[in-house]
Protein backbone atom coordinates (compact mmCIF):
# COMPACT_ATOMS: atom_id res chain seq x y z
CA UNK A 1 -9.08 20.24 19.81
CA UNK A 2 -5.96 18.30 18.84
CA UNK A 3 -7.51 15.06 20.09
CA UNK A 4 -10.72 15.76 18.19
CA UNK A 5 -8.76 16.60 15.04
CA UNK A 6 -6.76 13.38 15.24
CA UNK A 7 -9.89 11.36 15.89
CA UNK A 8 -11.65 12.84 12.86
CA UNK A 9 -8.59 12.14 10.69
CA UNK A 10 -8.44 8.54 11.91
CA UNK A 11 -12.12 8.01 11.08
CA UNK A 12 -11.62 9.47 7.60
CA UNK A 13 -8.57 7.31 6.88
CA UNK A 14 -10.34 4.13 8.03
CA UNK A 15 -13.38 5.01 5.94
CA UNK A 16 -11.17 5.58 2.90
CA UNK A 17 -9.40 2.24 3.35
CA UNK A 18 -12.76 0.47 3.55
CA UNK A 19 -13.84 2.18 0.32
CA UNK A 20 -10.61 1.06 -1.37
CA UNK A 21 -11.15 -2.53 -0.30
CA UNK A 22 -14.75 -2.54 -1.52
CA UNK A 23 -13.73 -1.04 -4.85
CA UNK A 24 -11.24 -3.85 -5.41
CA UNK A 25 -8.00 -2.04 -4.75
CA UNK A 26 -7.18 -4.48 -1.98
CA UNK A 27 -4.92 -2.13 -0.05
CA UNK A 28 -4.41 -4.72 2.63
CA UNK A 29 -4.02 -7.62 0.18
CA UNK A 30 -7.09 -9.38 1.70
CA UNK A 31 -8.86 -11.44 -0.93
CA UNK A 32 -10.93 -14.59 -1.15
CA UNK A 33 -9.41 -18.06 -1.03
CA UNK A 34 -7.94 -19.13 -4.33
CA UNK A 35 -7.76 -15.56 -5.62
CA UNK A 36 -4.83 -13.20 -5.57
CA UNK A 37 -4.05 -9.74 -4.24
CA UNK A 38 -4.13 -6.79 -6.60
CA UNK A 39 -1.90 -3.73 -6.80
CA UNK A 40 -1.74 -0.48 -8.68
CA UNK A 41 1.74 -0.58 -10.18
CA UNK A 42 2.61 1.80 -12.97
CA UNK A 43 5.33 1.15 -15.51
CA UNK A 44 8.81 2.37 -16.38
CA UNK A 45 10.57 2.09 -19.75
CA UNK A 46 14.27 1.32 -20.14
CA UNK A 47 15.84 0.55 -23.53
CA UNK A 48 12.56 -0.33 -25.28
CA UNK A 49 11.45 -2.55 -22.41
CA UNK A 50 8.58 -1.67 -20.10
CA UNK A 51 8.65 -3.06 -16.55
CA UNK A 52 5.63 -3.15 -14.26
CA UNK A 53 3.97 -5.19 -11.56
CA UNK A 54 0.95 -7.18 -12.72
CA UNK A 55 -2.33 -7.75 -10.90
CA UNK A 56 -1.14 -11.34 -10.34
CA UNK A 57 1.86 -10.23 -8.32
CA UNK A 58 4.45 -10.68 -11.06
CA UNK A 59 7.23 -8.43 -12.26
CA UNK A 60 6.70 -8.30 -16.03
CA UNK A 61 9.00 -7.12 -18.83
CA UNK A 62 7.37 -6.16 -22.15
CA UNK A 63 9.04 -5.33 -25.46
CA UNK A 64 7.29 -2.10 -26.50
CA UNK A 65 8.36 -2.53 -30.13
CA UNK A 66 6.95 -6.02 -30.67
CA UNK A 67 4.30 -5.69 -27.92
CA UNK A 68 5.27 -9.07 -26.51
CA UNK A 69 6.06 -10.29 -23.04
CA UNK A 70 9.79 -10.94 -22.68
CA UNK A 71 9.89 -12.26 -19.13
CA UNK A 72 7.91 -12.42 -15.93
CA UNK A 73 8.67 -13.57 -12.42
CA UNK A 74 6.33 -13.82 -9.42
CA UNK A 75 7.06 -12.30 -6.04
CA UNK A 76 6.22 -15.17 -3.75
CA UNK A 77 6.09 -15.64 -0.02
CA UNK A 78 4.92 -18.39 2.30
CA UNK A 79 3.90 -15.83 4.91
CA UNK A 80 1.44 -13.74 2.93
CA UNK A 81 -1.65 -12.77 4.89
CA UNK A 82 -4.23 -10.07 4.37
CA UNK A 83 -5.10 -7.16 6.61
CA UNK A 84 -7.79 -7.18 9.31
CA UNK A 85 -6.78 -10.74 10.26
CA UNK A 86 -7.64 -12.29 6.89
CA UNK A 87 -6.29 -15.79 6.34
CA UNK A 88 -3.61 -16.42 3.71
CA UNK A 89 -5.20 -17.18 0.34
CA UNK A 90 -2.28 -17.19 -2.05
CA UNK A 91 1.49 -17.02 -2.25
CA UNK A 92 1.24 -14.09 -4.69
CA UNK A 93 2.34 -10.69 -3.45
CA UNK A 94 0.50 -7.47 -4.29
CA UNK A 95 2.68 -4.87 -6.05
CA UNK A 96 1.58 -1.26 -5.60
CA UNK A 97 4.76 0.68 -6.29
CA UNK A 98 6.18 1.08 -9.79
CA UNK A 99 9.51 -0.69 -10.43
CA UNK A 100 12.81 1.16 -10.73
CA UNK A 101 15.59 0.29 -13.19
CA UNK A 102 19.32 1.02 -12.90
CA UNK A 103 22.28 -0.59 -14.59
CA UNK A 104 21.33 -4.24 -15.17
CA UNK A 105 18.90 -4.57 -12.24
CA UNK A 106 15.18 -4.04 -11.80
CA UNK A 107 13.94 -3.19 -8.30
CA UNK A 108 10.40 -3.88 -7.13
CA UNK A 109 8.80 -3.70 -3.70
CA UNK A 110 6.06 -6.02 -2.43
CA UNK A 111 3.18 -5.67 -0.04
CA UNK A 112 4.73 -8.57 1.87
CA UNK A 113 7.35 -6.15 3.23
CA UNK A 114 10.27 -7.08 1.00
CA UNK A 115 12.10 -5.38 -1.85
CA UNK A 116 13.62 -7.46 -4.65
CA UNK A 117 16.42 -6.80 -7.15
CA UNK A 118 16.23 -8.92 -10.31
CA UNK A 119 18.50 -9.32 -13.29
CA UNK A 120 16.28 -9.30 -16.37
CA UNK A 121 15.45 -12.84 -17.45
CA UNK A 122 16.47 -14.43 -14.15
CA UNK A 123 13.86 -16.19 -12.03
CA UNK A 124 15.82 -15.83 -8.80
CA UNK A 125 16.46 -12.35 -7.38
CA UNK A 126 19.99 -11.00 -7.14
CA UNK A 127 19.10 -9.97 -3.61
CA UNK A 128 16.12 -9.50 -1.31
CA UNK A 129 15.77 -7.13 1.64
CA UNK A 130 15.29 -8.07 4.36
CA UNK A 131 16.89 -11.44 3.79
CA UNK A 132 15.02 -12.93 6.73
CA UNK A 133 11.62 -12.01 8.13
CA UNK A 134 9.61 -9.18 6.58
CA UNK A 135 9.11 -5.49 7.03
CA UNK A 136 5.61 -4.09 7.25
CA UNK A 137 3.80 -3.66 3.90
CA UNK A 138 5.50 -1.52 1.26
CA UNK A 139 2.98 0.50 -0.75
CA UNK A 140 5.08 3.19 -2.42
CA UNK A 141 7.67 2.59 -5.11
CA UNK A 142 11.44 2.61 -4.79
CA UNK A 143 13.90 4.92 -6.52
CA UNK A 144 17.57 4.39 -7.36
CA UNK A 145 20.21 7.12 -7.16
CA UNK A 146 23.81 7.55 -6.01
CA UNK A 147 24.31 3.79 -5.85
CA UNK A 148 21.43 3.35 -3.40
CA UNK A 149 17.84 2.19 -3.43
CA UNK A 150 15.46 4.39 -1.41
CA UNK A 151 11.98 3.44 -0.23
CA UNK A 152 9.40 4.15 2.46
CA UNK A 153 7.55 1.51 4.47
CA UNK A 154 4.37 1.16 6.51
CA UNK A 155 6.57 0.88 9.62
CA UNK A 156 7.16 4.62 9.20
CA UNK A 157 10.79 4.24 8.17
CA UNK A 158 12.72 5.42 5.15
CA UNK A 159 15.32 2.88 4.03
CA UNK A 160 18.47 3.36 1.97
CA UNK A 161 20.00 0.13 0.64
CA UNK A 162 23.13 -0.53 -1.35
CA UNK A 163 21.86 -0.93 -4.92
CA UNK A 164 24.36 -3.68 -5.75
CA UNK A 165 23.93 -6.03 -2.78
CA UNK A 166 20.86 -4.81 -0.86
CA UNK A 167 22.58 -4.21 2.46
CA UNK A 168 21.12 -1.40 4.53
CA UNK A 169 23.06 1.84 4.51
CA UNK A 170 20.79 3.86 6.78
CA UNK A 171 17.20 4.24 7.98
CA UNK A 172 15.15 7.19 9.20
CA UNK A 173 12.08 6.95 11.43
CA UNK A 174 9.01 9.14 10.83
CA UNK A 175 5.95 9.29 13.06
CA UNK A 176 3.58 7.11 11.04
CA UNK A 177 3.27 4.85 8.00
CA UNK A 178 4.72 5.86 4.63
CA UNK A 179 2.87 5.20 1.37
CA UNK A 180 4.65 7.92 -0.57
CA UNK A 181 7.35 7.21 -3.14
CA UNK A 182 10.51 9.26 -2.43
CA UNK A 183 12.03 11.71 -4.88
CA UNK A 184 15.62 12.92 -4.94
CA UNK A 185 17.03 16.25 -6.03
CA UNK A 186 20.78 16.71 -5.80
CA UNK A 187 21.82 15.27 -2.45
CA UNK A 188 18.39 15.66 -0.83
CA UNK A 189 15.71 13.00 -0.54
CA UNK A 190 12.09 14.15 -0.13
CA UNK A 191 9.40 11.86 1.24
CA UNK A 192 6.05 12.27 3.00
CA UNK A 193 4.40 10.39 5.85
CA UNK A 194 0.99 9.77 7.39
CA UNK A 195 2.31 11.79 10.35
CA UNK A 196 1.28 14.84 8.24
CA UNK A 197 4.87 15.79 7.46
CA UNK A 198 7.07 16.23 4.42
CA UNK A 199 10.71 15.39 5.14
CA UNK A 200 13.97 16.47 3.53
CA UNK A 201 16.77 14.03 4.28
CA UNK A 202 20.45 13.92 3.42
CA UNK A 203 20.55 11.19 0.76
CA UNK A 204 24.05 10.17 1.84
CA UNK A 205 23.50 9.46 5.53
CA UNK A 206 19.77 9.91 6.21
CA UNK A 207 20.11 12.87 8.55
CA UNK A 208 17.14 15.22 8.62
CA UNK A 209 17.58 18.61 6.97
CA UNK A 210 14.08 19.87 7.71
CA UNK A 211 10.46 18.85 8.07
CA UNK A 212 7.24 20.61 7.08
CA UNK A 213 3.88 19.83 8.66
CA UNK A 214 0.52 19.99 6.88
CA UNK A 215 -2.94 19.64 8.36
CA UNK A 216 -3.43 16.01 7.36
CA UNK A 217 -1.78 12.71 6.51
CA UNK A 218 0.18 12.62 3.24
CA UNK A 219 0.15 9.64 0.86
CA UNK A 220 1.12 11.39 -2.37
CA UNK A 221 4.56 11.63 -3.93
CA UNK A 222 6.30 15.04 -3.89
CA UNK A 223 7.05 16.95 -7.09
CA UNK A 224 10.23 19.06 -7.33
CA UNK A 225 10.33 22.12 -9.58
CA UNK A 226 12.52 25.25 -9.42
CA UNK A 227 13.74 24.58 -5.86
CA UNK A 228 10.14 24.13 -4.68
CA UNK A 229 8.39 20.98 -3.47
CA UNK A 230 4.73 20.59 -4.40
CA UNK A 231 2.61 18.10 -2.49
CA UNK A 232 -1.02 17.42 -1.69
CA UNK A 233 -2.37 16.45 1.71
CA UNK A 234 -5.37 14.68 3.19
CA UNK A 235 -6.32 18.07 4.63
CA UNK A 236 -7.54 18.80 1.05
CA UNK A 237 -4.94 21.48 0.38
CA UNK A 238 -1.99 21.60 -2.00
CA UNK A 239 1.29 23.05 -0.70
CA UNK A 240 4.39 24.64 -2.16
CA UNK A 241 7.42 24.34 0.13
CA UNK A 242 10.88 25.85 -0.23
CA UNK A 243 13.25 22.96 -0.99
CA UNK A 244 16.21 24.57 0.78
CA UNK A 245 14.78 25.33 4.21
CA UNK A 246 11.28 23.81 4.33
CA UNK A 247 9.47 27.13 4.65
CA UNK A 248 5.97 27.56 3.26
CA UNK A 249 5.83 29.26 -0.13
CA UNK A 250 2.05 29.04 -0.47
CA UNK A 251 -0.97 26.95 0.45
CA UNK A 252 -3.90 26.50 -1.90
CA UNK A 253 -6.63 28.74 -0.48
CA UNK A 254 -9.43 26.72 -2.04
CA UNK A 255 -10.12 23.55 -0.09
CA UNK A 256 -10.81 20.62 -2.41
CA UNK A 257 -13.86 18.47 -1.75
CA UNK A 258 -11.69 15.39 -1.17
CA UNK A 259 -8.04 14.38 -0.77
CA UNK A 260 -5.05 15.03 -3.00
CA UNK A 261 -3.77 11.52 -3.68
CA UNK A 262 -1.76 11.87 -6.89
CA UNK A 263 1.52 13.48 -7.83
CA UNK A 264 0.97 16.75 -9.77
CA UNK A 265 2.69 17.79 -13.00
CA UNK A 266 3.93 21.23 -14.06
CA UNK A 267 4.09 22.86 -17.49
CA UNK A 268 4.92 26.48 -18.30
CA UNK A 269 4.96 27.40 -14.61
CA UNK A 270 1.45 25.99 -14.18
CA UNK A 271 0.52 23.12 -11.85
CA UNK A 272 -2.01 20.47 -12.78
CA UNK A 273 -3.15 18.53 -9.71
CA UNK A 274 -5.82 15.82 -9.79
CA UNK A 275 -8.01 15.19 -6.78
CA UNK A 276 -10.29 12.42 -5.54
CA UNK A 277 -13.18 14.87 -5.98
CA UNK A 278 -12.77 14.35 -9.74
CA UNK A 279 -11.36 17.79 -10.42
CA UNK A 280 -8.06 18.95 -11.88
CA UNK A 281 -6.83 22.08 -10.10
CA UNK A 282 -4.81 24.41 -12.33
CA UNK A 283 -2.59 26.82 -10.40
CA UNK A 284 0.18 29.34 -10.84
CA UNK A 285 3.30 27.55 -9.59
CA UNK A 286 4.75 30.69 -7.98
CA UNK A 287 1.65 32.03 -6.21
CA UNK A 288 -0.79 29.14 -5.89
CA UNK A 289 -3.54 31.23 -7.48
CA UNK A 290 -6.03 29.40 -9.69
CA UNK A 291 -5.27 30.11 -13.34
CA UNK A 292 -8.73 28.90 -14.40
CA UNK A 293 -11.58 27.16 -12.64
CA UNK A 294 -10.88 23.53 -11.81
CA UNK A 295 -11.77 21.08 -14.58
CA UNK A 296 -14.36 18.56 -13.39
CA UNK A 297 -13.83 15.07 -14.83
CA UNK A 298 -16.69 13.79 -12.64
CA UNK A 299 -14.94 10.56 -11.59
CA UNK A 300 -12.24 10.47 -8.86
CA UNK A 301 -8.61 10.91 -9.94
CA UNK A 302 -6.25 8.52 -8.17
CA UNK A 303 -3.89 7.92 -11.11
CA UNK A 304 -0.97 10.33 -11.41
CA UNK A 305 -0.99 12.23 -14.74
CA UNK A 306 1.86 12.63 -17.20
CA UNK A 307 3.08 15.48 -19.38
CA UNK A 308 3.60 14.79 -23.08
CA UNK A 309 4.94 17.81 -24.96
CA UNK A 310 2.45 20.56 -24.05
CA UNK A 311 -0.40 18.25 -23.09
CA UNK A 312 -1.34 16.88 -19.69
CA UNK A 313 -2.68 13.33 -19.99
CA UNK A 314 -4.87 12.35 -17.07
CA UNK A 315 -7.18 9.43 -16.32
CA UNK A 316 -10.22 9.15 -14.10
CA UNK A 317 -11.09 6.07 -12.07
CA UNK A 318 -14.00 5.17 -14.34
CA UNK A 319 -11.57 4.56 -17.21
CA UNK A 320 -11.78 7.74 -19.26
CA UNK A 321 -8.51 9.28 -20.44
CA UNK A 322 -8.34 13.01 -21.06
CA UNK A 323 -5.89 15.49 -22.51
CA UNK A 324 -5.56 19.08 -21.31
CA UNK A 325 -4.05 21.54 -23.79
CA UNK A 326 -1.73 23.66 -21.64
CA UNK A 327 -1.88 26.57 -24.12
CA UNK A 328 -5.55 27.22 -23.33
CA UNK A 329 -6.34 24.75 -20.50
CA UNK A 330 -9.13 23.13 -22.49
CA UNK A 331 -9.80 19.45 -21.94
CA UNK A 332 -10.92 16.82 -24.42
CA UNK A 333 -11.48 13.10 -24.06
CA UNK A 334 -8.92 10.87 -25.72
CA UNK A 335 -10.54 7.49 -25.09
CA UNK A 336 -12.85 5.63 -22.74
CA UNK A 337 -11.19 2.33 -21.88
CA UNK A 338 -14.17 1.18 -19.83
CA UNK A 339 -11.89 -0.27 -17.15
CA UNK A 340 -11.02 1.17 -13.75
CA UNK A 341 -7.72 3.07 -13.61
CA UNK A 342 -5.81 3.51 -10.35
CA UNK A 343 -2.20 3.00 -11.44
CA UNK A 344 -0.05 6.02 -12.33
CA UNK A 345 0.29 6.73 -16.03
CA UNK A 346 3.65 6.48 -17.77
CA UNK A 347 4.72 8.16 -21.02
CA UNK A 348 7.64 7.56 -23.37
CA UNK A 349 8.24 8.87 -26.91
CA UNK A 350 4.69 10.14 -27.34
CA UNK A 351 3.07 6.94 -26.09
CA UNK A 352 1.08 6.72 -22.86
CA UNK A 353 0.99 3.37 -21.04
CA UNK A 354 -2.03 2.63 -18.86
CA UNK A 355 -2.36 -0.33 -16.49
CA UNK A 356 -6.03 -0.99 -15.71
CA UNK A 357 -7.56 -2.78 -12.74
CA UNK A 358 -8.61 -5.66 -15.02
CA UNK A 359 -4.95 -6.49 -15.57
CA UNK A 360 -4.58 -5.06 -19.05
CA UNK A 361 -1.86 -2.78 -20.39
CA UNK A 362 -2.88 -0.25 -23.03
CA UNK A 363 -0.56 1.85 -25.20
CA UNK A 364 -2.14 5.06 -26.51
CA UNK A 365 -0.99 7.70 -28.95
CA UNK A 366 -0.79 10.74 -26.66
CA UNK A 367 -1.84 13.13 -29.40
CA UNK A 368 -4.77 11.34 -31.00
CA UNK A 369 -5.80 8.94 -28.24
CA UNK A 370 -5.81 6.02 -30.66
CA UNK A 371 -5.03 2.67 -29.10
CA UNK A 372 -1.74 1.42 -30.54
CA UNK A 373 -1.87 -1.95 -28.82
CA UNK A 374 -3.00 -3.68 -25.68
CA UNK A 375 -1.85 -6.75 -23.79
CA UNK A 376 -3.45 -8.84 -21.07
CA UNK A 377 -1.13 -9.42 -18.13
CA UNK A 378 -3.42 -11.94 -16.45
CA UNK A 379 -2.66 -14.92 -18.67
């Protein structure tokens, strides 16, 4: 039964990756000659500047007050090659993970298996890891805390690097590839792996505190709330896990039609979790019980939502952006951008930033849905 289960999971994962490639996500960075790989980077705002990875493989800085591009720098490599044996077509590097900002540095990971630290405005990185050769592809984003940069890699390892100089502090090996972005709470780092497990690691030295196993691979990023970790799995269930000891708090009894890919959000002790089946599952954070029936947005949800005041802003793949009023759990459409959305949403000061698959950045008023401005990142 275990062999059959693993075989079925492998078939599902391979099928999903093929679907992603056909839909233009380019998970393996394999594209036609003369074209470039695409990613699904979200943004992060620091001191009125938004940083994100463009569809052309560039780290871009945008002034959100003047809506102008301040600076951009490509992540380049002479060794870039696509998956499934595809020949190199470009020196551009796909960027899937959202950048991280700390002090005067911006950190961004590339699908070429390197992570870069840039000073804003500088065309040469402050440091690159690894300095020679490459790791396997990095899909998730990096985070910065306690003077370290943390990231997961497709080689199944979690890496902690010195934030100032990029030298490795420690690594931890899981049983399969990691696409999840880590999160940190206190001195504990939480990260998930395709080996079906959620890990809690000591952020200082990388030692394992505990592990929790689900019924399927995990690609989503954990969410920490009230000493509980919430995470979705490819087994089509959502889990709540005790952050202290890794024990199960609850498991969503309803099995979703497809996989939980995105990071959930929580408001007023209620979880809002989007699923690739196009539904938003609304659950009591303490019990896992459904508060109301799932809201069906029809199109798959692979973009992580954001919370703005008492509204959950969520986007479907087809390009429609919705708001859910958490006081009554009623949804209404804010805008239809008409462009595919895979990147996680980002919100700051009542504005939601959306990076579409056509390489455009849109800034929306979170309350009214009106488009404040937009900017093409492809030029």
